PDB file of N, CA and C in Angstrom:
ATOM      1  N   UNK A   1      86.398 109.062 102.719  1.00  0.00           N
ATOM      2  CA  UNK A   1      86.337 109.710 101.429  1.00  0.00           C
ATOM      3  C   UNK A   1      84.885 110.109 101.160  1.00  0.00           C
ATOM      4  N   UNK A   2      84.685 111.310 100.627  1.00  0.00           N
ATOM      5  CA  UNK A   2      83.342 111.803 100.331  1.00  0.00           C
ATOM      6  C   UNK A   2      82.727 110.996  99.190  1.00  0.00           C
ATOM      7  N   UNK A   3      81.404 110.950  99.173  1.00  0.00           N
ATOM      8  CA  UNK A   3      80.695 110.242  98.104  1.00  0.00           C
ATOM      9  C   UNK A   3      81.044 110.878  96.765  1.00  0.00           C
ATOM     10  N   UNK A   4      81.247 110.055  95.762  1.00  0.00           N
ATOM     11  CA  UNK A   4      81.642 110.507  94.441  1.00  0.00           C
ATOM     12  C   UNK A   4      80.806 109.746  93.417  1.00  0.00           C
ATOM     13  N   UNK A   5      79.725 110.363  92.887  1.00  0.00           N
ATOM     14  CA  UNK A   5      78.855 109.653  91.942  1.00  0.00           C
ATOM     15  C   UNK A   5      79.587 109.132  90.703  1.00  0.00           C
ATOM     16  N   UNK A   6      80.560 109.889  90.197  1.00  0.00           N
ATOM     17  CA  UNK A   6      81.304 109.419  89.027  1.00  0.00           C
ATOM     18  C   UNK A   6      82.092 108.162  89.362  1.00  0.00           C
ATOM     19  N   UNK A   7      82.741 108.173  90.515  1.00  0.00           N
ATOM     20  CA  UNK A   7      83.487 106.993  90.955  1.00  0.00           C
ATOM     21  C   UNK A   7      82.545 105.813  91.176  1.00  0.00           C
ATOM     22  N   UNK A   8      81.366 106.078  91.710  1.00  0.00           N
ATOM     23  CA  UNK A   8      80.365 105.015  91.868  1.00  0.00           C
ATOM     24  C   UNK A   8      80.039 104.392  90.511  1.00  0.00           C
ATOM     25  N   UNK A   9      79.900 105.230  89.470  1.00  0.00           N
ATOM     26  CA  UNK A   9      79.575 104.743  88.133  1.00  0.00           C
ATOM     27  C   UNK A   9      80.730 103.916  87.560  1.00  0.00           C
ATOM     28  N   UNK A  10      81.963 104.363  87.797  1.00  0.00           N
ATOM     29  CA  UNK A  10      83.125 103.617  87.300  1.00  0.00           C
ATOM     30  C   UNK A  10      83.246 102.258  87.996  1.00  0.00           C
ATOM     31  N   UNK A  11      82.764 102.169  89.222  1.00  0.00           N
ATOM     32  CA  UNK A  11      82.725 100.922  90.006  1.00  0.00           C
ATOM     33  C   UNK A  11      84.095 100.251  90.158  1.00  0.00           C
ATOM     34  N   UNK A  12      85.087 100.978  90.688  1.00  0.00           N
ATOM     35  CA  UNK A  12      86.392 100.345  90.890  1.00  0.00           C
ATOM     36  C   UNK A  12      86.325  99.249  91.944  1.00  0.00           C
ATOM     37  N   UNK A  13      87.176  98.257  91.774  1.00  0.00           N
ATOM     38  CA  UNK A  13      87.284  97.149  92.722  1.00  0.00           C
ATOM     39  C   UNK A  13      88.737  97.083  93.205  1.00  0.00           C
ATOM     40  N   UNK A  14      88.954  96.356  94.276  1.00  0.00           N
ATOM     41  CA  UNK A  14      90.314  96.181  94.810  1.00  0.00           C
ATOM     42  C   UNK A  14      91.012  97.528  95.000  1.00  0.00           C
ATOM     43  N   UNK A  15      90.248  98.524  95.480  1.00  0.00           N
ATOM     44  CA  UNK A  15      90.745  99.890  95.642  1.00  0.00           C
ATOM     45  C   UNK A  15      91.538  99.981  96.943  1.00  0.00           C
ATOM     46  N   UNK A  16      92.843 100.201  96.829  1.00  0.00           N
ATOM     47  CA  UNK A  16      93.681 100.382  98.018  1.00  0.00           C
ATOM     48  C   UNK A  16      94.498 101.651  97.847  1.00  0.00           C
ATOM     49  N   UNK A  17      94.786 102.309  98.982  1.00  0.00           N
ATOM     50  CA  UNK A  17      95.637 103.492  98.929  1.00  0.00           C
ATOM     51  C   UNK A  17      96.314 103.693 100.265  1.00  0.00           C
ATOM     52  N   UNK A  18      97.474 104.292 100.222  1.00  0.00           N
ATOM     53  CA  UNK A  18      98.215 104.583 101.437  1.00  0.00           C
ATOM     54  C   UNK A  18      99.663 104.888 101.141  1.00  0.00           C
ATOM     55  N   UNK A  19     100.248 105.759 101.954  1.00  0.00           N
ATOM     56  CA  UNK A  19     101.666 106.101 101.863  1.00  0.00           C
ATOM     57  C   UNK A  19     102.088 106.548 100.466  1.00  0.00           C
ATOM     58  N   UNK A  20     101.251 107.374  99.823  1.00  0.00           N
ATOM     59  CA  UNK A  20     101.599 107.912  98.516  1.00  0.00           C
ATOM     60  C   UNK A  20     101.395 106.978  97.351  1.00  0.00           C
ATOM     61  N   UNK A  21     100.654 105.898  97.568  1.00  0.00           N
ATOM     62  CA  UNK A  21     100.386 104.914  96.505  1.00  0.00           C
ATOM     63  C   UNK A  21      98.893 104.599  96.454  1.00  0.00           C
ATOM     64  N   UNK A  22      98.445 104.152  95.289  1.00  0.00           N
ATOM     65  CA  UNK A  22      97.060 103.695  95.149  1.00  0.00           C
ATOM     66  C   UNK A  22      96.985 102.680  94.015  1.00  0.00           C
ATOM     67  N   UNK A  23      96.030 101.770  94.141  1.00  0.00           N
ATOM     68  CA  UNK A  23      95.771 100.759  93.112  1.00  0.00           C
ATOM     69  C   UNK A  23      94.277 100.515  93.037  1.00  0.00           C
ATOM     70  N   UNK A  24      93.809 100.153  91.854  1.00  0.00           N
ATOM     71  CA  UNK A  24      92.417  99.762  91.669  1.00  0.00           C
ATOM     72  C   UNK A  24      92.306  98.934  90.401  1.00  0.00           C
ATOM     73  N   UNK A  25      91.175  98.285  90.243  1.00  0.00           N
ATOM     74  CA  UNK A  25      90.877  97.598  88.990  1.00  0.00           C
ATOM     75  C   UNK A  25      89.428  97.895  88.635  1.00  0.00           C
ATOM     76  N   UNK A  26      89.111  97.768  87.354  1.00  0.00           N
ATOM     77  CA  UNK A  26      87.728  97.924  86.903  1.00  0.00           C
ATOM     78  C   UNK A  26      87.405  96.811  85.926  1.00  0.00           C
ATOM     79  N   UNK A  27      86.168  96.387  86.006  1.00  0.00           N
ATOM     80  CA  UNK A  27      85.641  95.450  85.014  1.00  0.00           C
ATOM     81  C   UNK A  27      85.215  96.290  83.820  1.00  0.00           C
ATOM     82  N   UNK A  28      85.687  95.945  82.635  1.00  0.00           N
ATOM     83  CA  UNK A  28      85.341  96.701  81.434  1.00  0.00           C
ATOM     84  C   UNK A  28      83.885  96.419  81.079  1.00  0.00           C
ATOM     85  N   UNK A  29      83.110  97.489  80.979  1.00  0.00           N
ATOM     86  CA  UNK A  29      81.694  97.381  80.630  1.00  0.00           C
ATOM     87  C   UNK A  29      81.467  97.967  79.233  1.00  0.00           C
ATOM     88  N   UNK A  30      80.356  97.598  78.621  1.00  0.00           N
ATOM     89  CA  UNK A  30      80.064  98.047  77.261  1.00  0.00           C
ATOM     90  C   UNK A  30      80.074  99.569  77.143  1.00  0.00           C
ATOM     91  N   UNK A  31      79.577 100.270  78.165  1.00  0.00           N
ATOM     92  CA  UNK A  31      79.526 101.731  78.079  1.00  0.00           C
ATOM     93  C   UNK A  31      80.907 102.385  78.179  1.00  0.00           C
ATOM     94  N   UNK A  32      81.958 101.620  78.440  1.00  0.00           N
ATOM     95  CA  UNK A  32      83.329 102.137  78.449  1.00  0.00           C
ATOM     96  C   UNK A  32      83.940 102.137  77.041  1.00  0.00           C
ATOM     97  N   UNK A  33      83.295 101.460  76.088  1.00  0.00           N
ATOM     98  CA  UNK A  33      83.901 101.208  74.783  1.00  0.00           C
ATOM     99  C   UNK A  33      83.587 102.288  73.763  1.00  0.00           C
ATOM    100  N   UNK A  34      84.550 102.491  72.843  1.00  0.00           N
ATOM    101  CA  UNK A  34      84.309 103.372  71.707  1.00  0.00           C
ATOM    102  C   UNK A  34      83.903 102.503  70.518  1.00  0.00           C
ATOM    103  N   UNK A  35      83.768 103.104  69.337  1.00  0.00           N
ATOM    104  CA  UNK A  35      83.200 102.420  68.174  1.00  0.00           C
ATOM    105  C   UNK A  35      83.964 101.167  67.749  1.00  0.00           C
ATOM    106  N   UNK A  36      85.267 101.114  67.960  1.00  0.00           N
ATOM    107  CA  UNK A  36      86.054  99.948  67.541  1.00  0.00           C
ATOM    108  C   UNK A  36      86.096  98.850  68.587  1.00  0.00           C
ATOM    109  N   UNK A  37      85.434  99.077  69.718  1.00  0.00           N
ATOM    110  CA  UNK A  37      85.405  98.059  70.758  1.00  0.00           C
ATOM    111  C   UNK A  37      86.530  98.152  71.763  1.00  0.00           C
ATOM    112  N   UNK A  38      87.330  99.213  71.677  1.00  0.00           N
ATOM    113  CA  UNK A  38      88.402  99.449  72.638  1.00  0.00           C
ATOM    114  C   UNK A  38      87.880 100.364  73.735  1.00  0.00           C
ATOM    115  N   UNK A  39      88.504 100.324  74.896  1.00  0.00           N
ATOM    116  CA  UNK A  39      88.111 101.233  75.969  1.00  0.00           C
ATOM    117  C   UNK A  39      88.411 102.667  75.518  1.00  0.00           C
ATOM    118  N   UNK A  40      87.433 103.538  75.682  1.00  0.00           N
ATOM    119  CA  UNK A  40      87.543 104.941  75.271  1.00  0.00           C
ATOM    120  C   UNK A  40      88.670 105.635  76.036  1.00  0.00           C
ATOM    121  N   UNK A  41      89.407 106.489  75.351  1.00  0.00           N
ATOM    122  CA  UNK A  41      90.510 107.213  75.975  1.00  0.00           C
ATOM    123  C   UNK A  41      90.082 108.056  77.163  1.00  0.00           C
ATOM    124  N   UNK A  42      88.859 108.563  77.143  1.00  0.00           N
ATOM    125  CA  UNK A  42      88.361 109.348  78.274  1.00  0.00           C
ATOM    126  C   UNK A  42      88.212 108.506  79.531  1.00  0.00           C
ATOM    127  N   UNK A  43      87.860 107.249  79.358  1.00  0.00           N
ATOM    128  CA  UNK A  43      87.769 106.333  80.505  1.00  0.00           C
ATOM    129  C   UNK A  43      89.166 106.094  81.071  1.00  0.00           C
ATOM    130  N   UNK A  44      90.145 105.875  80.189  1.00  0.00           N
ATOM    131  CA  UNK A  44      91.519 105.659  80.650  1.00  0.00           C
ATOM    132  C   UNK A  44      92.039 106.891  81.386  1.00  0.00           C
ATOM    133  N   UNK A  45      91.777 108.080  80.844  1.00  0.00           N
ATOM    134  CA  UNK A  45      92.205 109.314  81.512  1.00  0.00           C
ATOM    135  C   UNK A  45      91.535 109.451  82.873  1.00  0.00           C
ATOM    136  N   UNK A  46      90.260 109.110  82.948  1.00  0.00           N
ATOM    137  CA  UNK A  46      89.540 109.189  84.225  1.00  0.00           C
ATOM    138  C   UNK A  46      90.093 108.202  85.244  1.00  0.00           C
ATOM    139  N   UNK A  47      90.432 106.999  84.788  1.00  0.00           N
ATOM    140  CA  UNK A  47      91.036 106.017  85.695  1.00  0.00           C
ATOM    141  C   UNK A  47      92.372 106.524  86.233  1.00  0.00           C
ATOM    142  N   UNK A  48      93.183 107.095  85.354  1.00  0.00           N
ATOM    143  CA  UNK A  48      94.469 107.631  85.802  1.00  0.00           C
ATOM    144  C   UNK A  48      94.274 108.795  86.766  1.00  0.00           C
ATOM    145  N   UNK A  49      93.361 109.697  86.455  1.00  0.00           N
ATOM    146  CA  UNK A  49      93.089 110.827  87.344  1.00  0.00           C
ATOM    147  C   UNK A  49      92.628 110.329  88.710  1.00  0.00           C
ATOM    148  N   UNK A  50      91.780 109.314  88.713  1.00  0.00           N
ATOM    149  CA  UNK A  50      91.262 108.760  89.967  1.00  0.00           C
ATOM    150  C   UNK A  50      92.361 108.109  90.795  1.00  0.00           C
ATOM    151  N   UNK A  51      93.149 107.239  90.177  1.00  0.00           N
ATOM    152  CA  UNK A  51      94.169 106.509  90.942  1.00  0.00           C
ATOM    153  C   UNK A  51      95.307 107.436  91.362  1.00  0.00           C
ATOM    154  N   UNK A  52      95.680 108.387  90.508  1.00  0.00           N
ATOM    155  CA  UNK A  52      96.747 109.314  90.887  1.00  0.00           C
ATOM    156  C   UNK A  52      96.275 110.283  91.964  1.00  0.00           C
ATOM    157  N   UNK A  53      95.033 110.769  91.847  1.00  0.00           N
ATOM    158  CA  UNK A  53      94.488 111.635  92.889  1.00  0.00           C
ATOM    159  C   UNK A  53      94.375 110.914  94.217  1.00  0.00           C
ATOM    160  N   UNK A  54      94.048 109.636  94.168  1.00  0.00           N
ATOM    161  CA  UNK A  54      93.964 108.841  95.398  1.00  0.00           C
ATOM    162  C   UNK A  54      95.334 108.654  96.031  1.00  0.00           C
ATOM    163  N   UNK A  55      96.351 108.442  95.203  1.00  0.00           N
ATOM    164  CA  UNK A  55      97.715 108.327  95.732  1.00  0.00           C
ATOM    165  C   UNK A  55      98.127 109.633  96.404  1.00  0.00           C
ATOM    166  N   UNK A  56      97.841 110.754  95.753  1.00  0.00           N
ATOM    167  CA  UNK A  56      98.180 112.060  96.327  1.00  0.00           C
ATOM    168  C   UNK A  56      97.403 112.300  97.617  1.00  0.00           C
ATOM    169  N   UNK A  57      96.111 111.998  97.596  1.00  0.00           N
ATOM    170  CA  UNK A  57      95.273 112.207  98.772  1.00  0.00           C
ATOM    171  C   UNK A  57      95.622 111.310  99.940  1.00  0.00           C
ATOM    172  N   UNK A  58      96.286 110.200  99.657  1.00  0.00           N
ATOM    173  CA  UNK A  58      96.645 109.279 100.743  1.00  0.00           C
ATOM    174  C   UNK A  58      97.683 109.878 101.687  1.00  0.00           C
ATOM    175  N   UNK A  59      98.316 110.959 101.267  1.00  0.00           N
ATOM    176  CA  UNK A  59      99.317 111.609 102.111  1.00  0.00           C
ATOM    177  C   UNK A  59      98.699 112.637 103.054  1.00  0.00           C
ATOM    178  N   UNK A  60      97.385 112.760 103.002  1.00  0.00           N
ATOM    179  CA  UNK A  60      96.681 113.654 103.921  1.00  0.00           C
ATOM    180  C   UNK A  60      96.064 114.840 103.214  1.00  0.00           C
ATOM    181  N   UNK A  61      94.862 115.178 103.618  1.00  0.00           N
ATOM    182  CA  UNK A  61      94.155 116.315 103.047  1.00  0.00           C
ATOM    183  C   UNK A  61      93.451 115.979 101.752  1.00  0.00           C
ATOM    184  N   UNK A  62      92.703 116.948 101.260  1.00  0.00           N
ATOM    185  CA  UNK A  62      92.000 116.801  99.985  1.00  0.00           C
ATOM    186  C   UNK A  62      92.872 117.381  98.882  1.00  0.00           C
ATOM    187  N   UNK A  63      92.756 116.815  97.688  1.00  0.00           N
ATOM    188  CA  UNK A  63      93.543 117.297  96.555  1.00  0.00           C
ATOM    189  C   UNK A  63      92.640 117.498  95.345  1.00  0.00           C
ATOM    190  N   UNK A  64      93.079 118.383  94.454  1.00  0.00           N
ATOM    191  CA  UNK A  64      92.419 118.572  93.160  1.00  0.00           C
ATOM    192  C   UNK A  64      93.487 118.490  92.073  1.00  0.00           C
ATOM    193  N   UNK A  65      93.066 118.113  90.891  1.00  0.00           N
ATOM    194  CA  UNK A  65      93.979 117.984  89.764  1.00  0.00           C
ATOM    195  C   UNK A  65      94.319 119.357  89.198  1.00  0.00           C
ATOM    196  N   UNK A  66      95.615 119.622  89.053  1.00  0.00           N
ATOM    197  CA  UNK A  66      96.094 120.850  88.425  1.00  0.00           C
ATOM    198  C   UNK A  66      96.464 120.567  86.971  1.00  0.00           C
ATOM    199  N   UNK A  67      97.100 119.422  86.736  1.00  0.00           N
ATOM    200  CA  UNK A  67      97.558 119.070  85.400  1.00  0.00           C
ATOM    201  C   UNK A  67      97.503 117.555  85.255  1.00  0.00           C
ATOM    202  N   UNK A  68      97.076 117.101  84.076  1.00  0.00           N
ATOM    203  CA  UNK A  68      96.986 115.670  83.803  1.00  0.00           C
ATOM    204  C   UNK A  68      97.485 115.425  82.387  1.00  0.00           C
ATOM    205  N   UNK A  69      98.429 114.507  82.243  1.00  0.00           N
ATOM    206  CA  UNK A  69      98.969 114.141  80.944  1.00  0.00           C
ATOM    207  C   UNK A  69      98.841 112.631  80.787  1.00  0.00           C
ATOM    208  N   UNK A  70      98.310 112.206  79.634  1.00  0.00           N
ATOM    209  CA  UNK A  70      98.115 110.779  79.384  1.00  0.00           C
ATOM    210  C   UNK A  70      98.811 110.392  78.082  1.00  0.00           C
ATOM    211  N   UNK A  71      99.563 109.314  78.127  1.00  0.00           N
ATOM    212  CA  UNK A  71     100.151 108.718  76.928  1.00  0.00           C
ATOM    213  C   UNK A  71      99.430 107.401  76.679  1.00  0.00           C
ATOM    214  N   UNK A  72      98.757 107.306  75.530  1.00  0.00           N
ATOM    215  CA  UNK A  72      98.035 106.090  75.159  1.00  0.00           C
ATOM    216  C   UNK A  72      98.999 105.198  74.382  1.00  0.00           C
ATOM    217  N   UNK A  73      99.295 104.034  74.908  1.00  0.00           N
ATOM    218  CA  UNK A  73     100.335 103.177  74.347  1.00  0.00           C
ATOM    219  C   UNK A  73      99.815 102.156  73.348  1.00  0.00           C
ATOM    220  N   UNK A  74      98.621 101.634  73.596  1.00  0.00           N
ATOM    221  CA  UNK A  74      98.014 100.642  72.710  1.00  0.00           C
ATOM    222  C   UNK A  74      96.533 100.548  73.060  1.00  0.00           C
ATOM    223  N   UNK A  75      95.715  99.964  72.167  1.00  0.00           N
ATOM    224  CA  UNK A  75      94.291  99.828  72.485  1.00  0.00           C
ATOM    225  C   UNK A  75      94.085  99.020  73.765  1.00  0.00           C
ATOM    226  N   UNK A  76      93.201  99.505  74.597  1.00  0.00           N
ATOM    227  CA  UNK A  76      92.862  98.807  75.843  1.00  0.00           C
ATOM    228  C   UNK A  76      91.692  97.876  75.564  1.00  0.00           C
ATOM    229  N   UNK A  77      91.959  96.581  75.662  1.00  0.00           N
ATOM    230  CA  UNK A  77      90.938  95.566  75.420  1.00  0.00           C
ATOM    231  C   UNK A  77      90.946  94.582  76.583  1.00  0.00           C
ATOM    232  N   UNK A  78      89.987  93.700  76.591  1.00  0.00           N
ATOM    233  CA  UNK A  78      89.917  92.682  77.634  1.00  0.00           C
ATOM    234  C   UNK A  78      88.802  92.970  78.619  1.00  0.00           C
ATOM    235  N   UNK A  79      88.667  92.089  79.589  1.00  0.00           N
ATOM    236  CA  UNK A  79      87.563  92.166  80.544  1.00  0.00           C
ATOM    237  C   UNK A  79      87.874  93.010  81.771  1.00  0.00           C
ATOM    238  N   UNK A  80      89.154  93.275  82.045  1.00  0.00           N
ATOM    239  CA  UNK A  80      89.520  94.008  83.264  1.00  0.00           C
ATOM    240  C   UNK A  80      90.771  94.847  83.005  1.00  0.00           C
ATOM    241  N   UNK A  81      90.807  96.014  83.657  1.00  0.00           N
ATOM    242  CA  UNK A  81      91.978  96.884  83.619  1.00  0.00           C
ATOM    243  C   UNK A  81      92.453  97.140  85.041  1.00  0.00           C
ATOM    244  N   UNK A  82      93.753  97.348  85.181  1.00  0.00           N
ATOM    245  CA  UNK A  82      94.375  97.589  86.487  1.00  0.00           C
ATOM    246  C   UNK A  82      95.117  98.923  86.433  1.00  0.00           C
ATOM    247  N   UNK A  83      94.906  99.749  87.444  1.00  0.00           N
ATOM    248  CA  UNK A  83      95.569 101.055  87.505  1.00  0.00           C
ATOM    249  C   UNK A  83      96.336 101.168  88.813  1.00  0.00           C
ATOM    250  N   UNK A  84      97.523 101.751  88.737  1.00  0.00           N
ATOM    251  CA  UNK A  84      98.303 101.998  89.951  1.00  0.00           C
ATOM    252  C   UNK A  84      99.044 103.311  89.788  1.00  0.00           C
ATOM    253  N   UNK A  85      99.326 103.943  90.928  1.00  0.00           N
ATOM    254  CA  UNK A  85     100.001 105.233  90.906  1.00  0.00           C
ATOM    255  C   UNK A  85     100.835 105.412  92.159  1.00  0.00           C
ATOM    256  N   UNK A  86     101.814 106.306  92.055  1.00  0.00           N
ATOM    257  CA  UNK A  86     102.617 106.653  93.226  1.00  0.00           C
ATOM    258  C   UNK A  86     103.069 108.104  93.120  1.00  0.00           C
ATOM    259  N   UNK A  87     103.139 108.752  94.262  1.00  0.00           N
ATOM    260  CA  UNK A  87     103.664 110.112  94.337  1.00  0.00           C
ATOM    261  C   UNK A  87     105.174 110.023  94.152  1.00  0.00           C
ATOM    262  N   UNK A  88     105.706 110.822  93.227  1.00  0.00           N
ATOM    263  CA  UNK A  88     107.145 110.795  92.971  1.00  0.00           C
ATOM    264  C   UNK A  88     107.858 112.009  93.556  1.00  0.00           C
ATOM    265  N   UNK A  89     107.100 113.064  93.843  1.00  0.00           N
ATOM    266  CA  UNK A  89     107.676 114.246  94.471  1.00  0.00           C
ATOM    267  C   UNK A  89     106.543 115.054  95.075  1.00  0.00           C
ATOM    268  N   UNK A  90     106.780 115.634  96.212  1.00  0.00           N
ATOM    269  CA  UNK A  90     105.736 116.424  96.843  1.00  0.00           C
ATOM    270  C   UNK A  90     106.295 117.517  97.719  1.00  0.00           C
ATOM    271  N   UNK A  91     105.486 118.543  97.889  1.00  0.00           N
ATOM    272  CA  UNK A  91     105.854 119.647  98.758  1.00  0.00           C
ATOM    273  C   UNK A  91     104.666 120.040  99.616  1.00  0.00           C
ATOM    274  N   UNK A  92     104.681 121.266 100.090  1.00  0.00           N
ATOM    275  CA  UNK A  92     103.593 121.776 100.936  1.00  0.00           C
ATOM    276  C   UNK A  92     102.255 121.751 100.219  1.00  0.00           C
ATOM    277  N   UNK A  93     102.251 122.193  98.950  1.00  0.00           N
ATOM    278  CA  UNK A  93     100.969 122.332  98.264  1.00  0.00           C
ATOM    279  C   UNK A  93     100.841 121.502  96.992  1.00  0.00           C
ATOM    280  N   UNK A  94     101.930 121.192  96.313  1.00  0.00           N
ATOM    281  CA  UNK A  94     101.862 120.442  95.058  1.00  0.00           C
ATOM    282  C   UNK A  94     102.460 119.050  95.214  1.00  0.00           C
ATOM    283  N   UNK A  95     101.769 118.076  94.602  1.00  0.00           N
ATOM    284  CA  UNK A  95     102.229 116.686  94.598  1.00  0.00           C
ATOM    285  C   UNK A  95     102.325 116.219  93.148  1.00  0.00           C
ATOM    286  N   UNK A  96     103.440 115.604  92.797  1.00  0.00           N
ATOM    287  CA  UNK A  96     103.674 115.108  91.444  1.00  0.00           C
ATOM    288  C   UNK A  96     103.539 113.586  91.472  1.00  0.00           C
ATOM    289  N   UNK A  97     102.685 113.079  90.591  1.00  0.00           N
ATOM    290  CA  UNK A  97     102.299 111.668  90.650  1.00  0.00           C
ATOM    291  C   UNK A  97     102.445 111.034  89.267  1.00  0.00           C
ATOM    292  N   UNK A  98     102.855 109.774  89.244  1.00  0.00           N
ATOM    293  CA  UNK A  98     102.900 108.988  88.014  1.00  0.00           C
ATOM    294  C   UNK A  98     101.995 107.777  88.172  1.00  0.00           C
ATOM    295  N   UNK A  99     101.370 107.376  87.060  1.00  0.00           N
ATOM    296  CA  UNK A  99     100.489 106.215  87.103  1.00  0.00           C
ATOM    297  C   UNK A  99     100.526 105.437  85.804  1.00  0.00           C
ATOM    298  N   UNK A 100      99.951 104.246  85.855  1.00  0.00           N
ATOM    299  CA  UNK A 100      99.850 103.445  84.639  1.00  0.00           C
ATOM    300  C   UNK A 100      98.630 102.545  84.721  1.00  0.00           C
ATOM    301  N   UNK A 101      98.173 102.141  83.548  1.00  0.00           N
ATOM    302  CA  UNK A 101      97.070 101.186  83.426  1.00  0.00           C
ATOM    303  C   UNK A 101      97.586  99.999  82.636  1.00  0.00           C
ATOM    304  N   UNK A 102      97.296  98.807  83.132  1.00  0.00           N
ATOM    305  CA  UNK A 102      97.681  97.581  82.438  1.00  0.00           C
ATOM    306  C   UNK A 102      96.436  96.753  82.137  1.00  0.00           C
ATOM    307  N   UNK A 103      96.570  95.871  81.143  1.00  0.00           N
ATOM    308  CA  UNK A 103      95.475  94.951  80.831  1.00  0.00           C
ATOM    309  C   UNK A 103      95.642  93.660  81.637  1.00  0.00           C
ATOM    310  N   UNK A 104      94.817  92.690  81.349  1.00  0.00           N
ATOM    311  CA  UNK A 104      94.840  91.425  82.104  1.00  0.00           C
ATOM    312  C   UNK A 104      96.155  90.659  81.949  1.00  0.00           C
ATOM    313  N   UNK A 105      96.855  90.901  80.846  1.00  0.00           N
ATOM    314  CA  UNK A 105      98.135  90.225  80.613  1.00  0.00           C
ATOM    315  C   UNK A 105      99.302  90.981  81.253  1.00  0.00           C
ATOM    316  N   UNK A 106      99.014  92.103  81.909  1.00  0.00           N
ATOM    317  CA  UNK A 106     100.065  92.895  82.528  1.00  0.00           C
ATOM    318  C   UNK A 106     100.775  93.837  81.572  1.00  0.00           C
ATOM    319  N   UNK A 107     100.229  94.008  80.374  1.00  0.00           N
ATOM    320  CA  UNK A 107     100.817  94.889  79.368  1.00  0.00           C
ATOM    321  C   UNK A 107     100.319  96.316  79.602  1.00  0.00           C
ATOM    322  N   UNK A 108     101.237  97.285  79.600  1.00  0.00           N
ATOM    323  CA  UNK A 108     100.852  98.687  79.778  1.00  0.00           C
ATOM    324  C   UNK A 108     100.019  99.160  78.591  1.00  0.00           C
ATOM    325  N   UNK A 109      98.885  99.800  78.884  1.00  0.00           N
ATOM    326  CA  UNK A 109      98.057 100.388  77.828  1.00  0.00           C
ATOM    327  C   UNK A 109      98.061 101.910  77.895  1.00  0.00           C
ATOM    328  N   UNK A 110      98.364 102.487  79.057  1.00  0.00           N
ATOM    329  CA  UNK A 110      98.440 103.948  79.186  1.00  0.00           C
ATOM    330  C   UNK A 110      99.321 104.309  80.374  1.00  0.00           C
ATOM    331  N   UNK A 111     100.026 105.425  80.223  1.00  0.00           N
ATOM    332  CA  UNK A 111     100.814 106.004  81.311  1.00  0.00           C
ATOM    333  C   UNK A 111     100.275 107.394  81.576  1.00  0.00           C
ATOM    334  N   UNK A 112     100.408 107.841  82.796  1.00  0.00           N
ATOM    335  CA  UNK A 112      99.968 109.193  83.114  1.00  0.00           C
ATOM    336  C   UNK A 112     100.890 109.882  84.093  1.00  0.00           C
ATOM    337  N   UNK A 113     100.869 111.205  84.016  1.00  0.00           N
ATOM    338  CA  UNK A 113     101.556 112.057  84.986  1.00  0.00           C
ATOM    339  C   UNK A 113     100.560 113.120  85.408  1.00  0.00           C
ATOM    340  N   UNK A 114     100.591 113.468  86.671  1.00  0.00           N
ATOM    341  CA  UNK A 114      99.683 114.491  87.153  1.00  0.00           C
ATOM    342  C   UNK A 114     100.303 115.342  88.235  1.00  0.00           C
ATOM    343  N   UNK A 115      99.785 116.552  88.334  1.00  0.00           N
ATOM    344  CA  UNK A 115     100.142 117.450  89.425  1.00  0.00           C
ATOM    345  C   UNK A 115      98.858 117.707  90.199  1.00  0.00           C
ATOM    346  N   UNK A 116      98.928 117.546  91.507  1.00  0.00           N
ATOM    347  CA  UNK A 116      97.760 117.701  92.370  1.00  0.00           C
ATOM    348  C   UNK A 116      98.043 118.757  93.429  1.00  0.00           C
ATOM    349  N   UNK A 117      97.016 119.561  93.722  1.00  0.00           N
ATOM    350  CA  UNK A 117      97.127 120.662  94.673  1.00  0.00           C
ATOM    351  C   UNK A 117      96.372 120.304  95.941  1.00  0.00           C
ATOM    352  N   UNK A 118      97.014 120.483  97.074  1.00  0.00           N
ATOM    353  CA  UNK A 118      96.352 120.234  98.365  1.00  0.00           C
ATOM    354  C   UNK A 118      95.415 121.403  98.677  1.00  0.00           C
ATOM    355  N   UNK A 119      94.138 121.092  98.877  1.00  0.00           N
ATOM    356  CA  UNK A 119      93.162 122.145  99.184  1.00  0.00           C
ATOM    357  C   UNK A 119      92.706 122.095 100.631  1.00  0.00           C
ATOM    358  N   UNK A 120      93.143 121.131 101.369  1.00  0.00           N
ATOM    359  CA  UNK A 120      92.733 121.052 102.769  1.00  0.00           C
ATOM    360  C   UNK A 120      93.157 119.774 103.412  1.00  0.00           C
TER     361      UNK A 120
END
């Protein structure tokens, strides 16, 4: 995988991917938080984009995001978040992926759907 400064900043741990699936976790840092002390929605969207893109890319080639939809279910709090995704449908050029983020208690905090385009 090519170097990705944004991903370096997010500092994912336990990053695994293969066969149309991907998982990762992140330690929640102060710079991830919004004014109320919850993880900012942009961080959650970025985590979903990262894990879903990784699931899509695990099937071969490079991919870019065509469409990303996020449903925020509840405030994301705690010291660690877990993200996982899987490709639910794919063709020659487009891959449809679903993902979710859970907190330390295993409670869903966000769901996502994405469409990814194979660029190479």
